[in-house]
């Protein structure tokens, strides 16, 4: 299925948001997820199913100062 990941078309086999994170090599503890303009709590990632055309933004936490 095709989703929009960080503004670009992305073909994925992931059925859930958590599977998409794993597929993309993202550390679930270090990213925030915005799904279709709504922040998705970490606890819900395994239960939220993706649909074709979903817009997903992965935001990595950065340290520094």
N, C-alpha and C. Protein backbone atom coordinates (compact mmCIF):
# COMPACT_ATOMS: atom_id res chain seq x y z
N UNK A 1 0.85 -1.17 0.00
CA UNK A 1 0.00 0.00 0.00
C UNK A 1 0.89 1.23 0.00
N UNK A 2 0.35 2.31 -0.49
CA UNK A 2 1.13 3.55 -0.54
C UNK A 2 0.61 4.53 0.50
N UNK A 3 1.54 5.09 1.27
CA UNK A 3 1.26 6.16 2.23
C UNK A 3 2.17 7.33 1.91
N UNK A 4 1.91 8.44 2.53
CA UNK A 4 2.79 9.61 2.41
C UNK A 4 3.60 9.67 3.69
N UNK A 5 4.90 9.45 3.59
CA UNK A 5 5.78 9.42 4.75
C UNK A 5 6.72 10.61 4.68
N UNK A 6 6.60 11.48 5.68
CA UNK A 6 7.42 12.71 5.72
C UNK A 6 7.37 13.47 4.40
N UNK A 7 6.15 13.56 3.84
CA UNK A 7 5.93 14.35 2.64
C UNK A 7 6.21 13.67 1.32
N UNK A 8 6.63 12.40 1.34
CA UNK A 8 6.96 11.70 0.10
C UNK A 8 6.20 10.38 0.02
N UNK A 9 5.82 10.01 -1.19
CA UNK A 9 5.13 8.73 -1.40
C UNK A 9 6.05 7.60 -0.96
N UNK A 10 5.46 6.62 -0.27
CA UNK A 10 6.23 5.50 0.26
C UNK A 10 5.39 4.23 0.13
N UNK A 11 5.94 3.22 -0.49
CA UNK A 11 5.28 1.92 -0.58
C UNK A 11 5.64 1.12 0.66
N UNK A 12 4.64 0.56 1.33
CA UNK A 12 4.89 -0.16 2.57
C UNK A 12 4.07 -1.44 2.63
N UNK A 13 4.58 -2.40 3.37
CA UNK A 13 3.83 -3.63 3.67
C UNK A 13 3.28 -3.57 5.10
N UNK A 14 3.60 -2.52 5.82
CA UNK A 14 3.19 -2.38 7.22
C UNK A 14 1.67 -2.25 7.31
N UNK A 15 1.10 -2.94 8.28
CA UNK A 15 -0.34 -2.85 8.52
C UNK A 15 -0.66 -1.85 9.62
N UNK A 16 0.30 -1.64 10.54
CA UNK A 16 0.09 -0.72 11.66
C UNK A 16 1.19 0.33 11.68
N UNK A 17 0.96 1.35 12.47
CA UNK A 17 1.97 2.41 12.61
C UNK A 17 3.25 1.83 13.20
N UNK A 18 3.15 0.98 14.21
CA UNK A 18 4.34 0.38 14.81
C UNK A 18 5.12 -0.44 13.79
N UNK A 19 4.44 -1.19 12.95
CA UNK A 19 5.12 -1.95 11.90
C UNK A 19 5.83 -1.01 10.93
N UNK A 20 5.23 0.13 10.62
CA UNK A 20 5.88 1.10 9.74
C UNK A 20 7.15 1.64 10.37
N UNK A 21 7.11 1.94 11.67
CA UNK A 21 8.31 2.41 12.36
C UNK A 21 9.43 1.37 12.26
N UNK A 22 9.08 0.12 12.51
CA UNK A 22 10.06 -0.96 12.44
C UNK A 22 10.61 -1.09 11.03
N UNK A 23 9.73 -1.06 10.05
CA UNK A 23 10.13 -1.18 8.65
C UNK A 23 11.10 -0.06 8.25
N UNK A 24 10.89 1.13 8.80
CA UNK A 24 11.73 2.28 8.46
C UNK A 24 12.99 2.36 9.30
N UNK A 25 13.15 1.45 10.25
CA UNK A 25 14.33 1.44 11.09
C UNK A 25 14.32 2.52 12.16
N UNK A 26 13.15 3.03 12.47
CA UNK A 26 13.04 4.09 13.49
C UNK A 26 12.92 3.46 14.88
N UNK A 27 13.55 4.09 15.84
CA UNK A 27 13.45 3.65 17.24
C UNK A 27 12.16 4.24 17.81
N UNK A 28 11.16 3.39 18.10
CA UNK A 28 9.88 3.91 18.58
C UNK A 28 9.98 4.79 19.83
N UNK A 29 11.02 4.60 20.62
CA UNK A 29 11.18 5.40 21.83
C UNK A 29 11.74 6.79 21.52
N UNK A 30 12.23 6.99 20.30
CA UNK A 30 12.88 8.26 19.98
C UNK A 30 12.19 9.06 18.89
N UNK A 31 10.97 8.66 18.53
CA UNK A 31 10.25 9.42 17.51
C UNK A 31 8.83 9.73 17.98
N UNK A 32 8.33 10.85 17.52
CA UNK A 32 6.92 11.18 17.68
C UNK A 32 6.27 10.92 16.33
N UNK A 33 5.02 10.54 16.36
CA UNK A 33 4.30 10.20 15.12
C UNK A 33 3.08 11.11 14.98
N UNK A 34 2.96 11.71 13.81
CA UNK A 34 1.77 12.48 13.46
C UNK A 34 1.11 11.73 12.31
N UNK A 35 -0.13 11.33 12.53
CA UNK A 35 -0.89 10.58 11.53
C UNK A 35 -2.08 11.42 11.09
N UNK A 36 -2.09 11.77 9.83
CA UNK A 36 -3.18 12.59 9.28
C UNK A 36 -3.46 13.82 10.14
N UNK A 37 -2.40 14.53 10.49
CA UNK A 37 -2.45 15.80 11.23
C UNK A 37 -2.80 15.67 12.71
N UNK A 38 -2.77 14.46 13.26
CA UNK A 38 -3.05 14.26 14.68
C UNK A 38 -1.88 13.53 15.32
N UNK A 39 -1.42 14.02 16.47
CA UNK A 39 -0.34 13.36 17.20
C UNK A 39 -0.86 12.02 17.70
N UNK A 40 -0.10 10.97 17.46
CA UNK A 40 -0.49 9.62 17.86
C UNK A 40 0.29 9.21 19.10
N UNK A 41 -0.40 8.94 20.20
CA UNK A 41 0.30 8.52 21.42
C UNK A 41 1.06 7.21 21.19
N UNK A 42 2.20 7.08 21.82
CA UNK A 42 3.03 5.89 21.66
C UNK A 42 2.28 4.61 22.00
N UNK A 43 1.42 4.66 23.00
CA UNK A 43 0.69 3.47 23.43
C UNK A 43 -0.26 2.94 22.36
N UNK A 44 -0.66 3.77 21.42
CA UNK A 44 -1.62 3.34 20.41
C UNK A 44 -1.03 2.87 19.10
N UNK A 45 0.27 2.95 18.95
CA UNK A 45 0.89 2.67 17.66
C UNK A 45 0.68 1.25 17.14
N UNK A 46 0.65 0.28 18.02
CA UNK A 46 0.48 -1.11 17.59
C UNK A 46 -0.96 -1.39 17.17
N UNK A 47 -1.90 -0.62 17.66
CA UNK A 47 -3.32 -0.87 17.37
C UNK A 47 -3.84 -0.07 16.18
N UNK A 48 -3.17 1.02 15.83
CA UNK A 48 -3.67 1.89 14.76
C UNK A 48 -3.24 1.33 13.41
N UNK A 49 -4.25 0.96 12.62
CA UNK A 49 -3.99 0.40 11.30
C UNK A 49 -3.83 1.51 10.28
N UNK A 50 -2.92 1.29 9.35
CA UNK A 50 -2.69 2.23 8.27
C UNK A 50 -3.68 1.97 7.13
N UNK A 51 -3.99 3.02 6.40
CA UNK A 51 -4.83 2.92 5.21
C UNK A 51 -4.10 3.60 4.06
N UNK A 52 -4.37 3.14 2.86
CA UNK A 52 -3.75 3.75 1.69
C UNK A 52 -4.01 5.25 1.69
N UNK A 53 -2.96 6.02 1.43
CA UNK A 53 -3.07 7.46 1.38
C UNK A 53 -2.87 8.18 2.70
N UNK A 54 -2.74 7.42 3.80
CA UNK A 54 -2.48 8.06 5.10
C UNK A 54 -1.23 8.93 5.00
N UNK A 55 -1.25 10.04 5.74
CA UNK A 55 -0.09 10.93 5.83
C UNK A 55 0.56 10.71 7.19
N UNK A 56 1.82 10.28 7.17
CA UNK A 56 2.56 9.97 8.39
C UNK A 56 3.80 10.83 8.44
N UNK A 57 3.98 11.50 9.56
CA UNK A 57 5.20 12.27 9.80
C UNK A 57 5.91 11.64 10.99
N UNK A 58 7.19 11.32 10.82
CA UNK A 58 8.02 10.81 11.91
C UNK A 58 8.96 11.93 12.33
N UNK A 59 8.88 12.33 13.57
CA UNK A 59 9.68 13.43 14.10
C UNK A 59 10.65 12.88 15.12
N UNK A 60 11.94 12.98 14.82
CA UNK A 60 12.97 12.46 15.72
C UNK A 60 13.32 13.51 16.76
N UNK A 61 13.49 13.04 18.00
CA UNK A 61 13.92 13.91 19.08
C UNK A 61 15.41 14.19 18.91
N UNK A 62 15.80 15.42 19.13
CA UNK A 62 17.21 15.79 19.03
C UNK A 62 17.62 16.50 20.32
N UNK A 63 18.79 16.15 20.80
CA UNK A 63 19.31 16.80 21.99
C UNK A 63 20.30 17.87 21.60
N UNK A 64 20.73 18.59 22.55
CA UNK A 64 21.74 19.61 22.27
C UNK A 64 21.36 20.92 22.95
N UNK A 65 22.15 21.89 22.69
CA UNK A 65 21.83 23.16 23.33
C UNK A 65 22.70 24.25 22.86
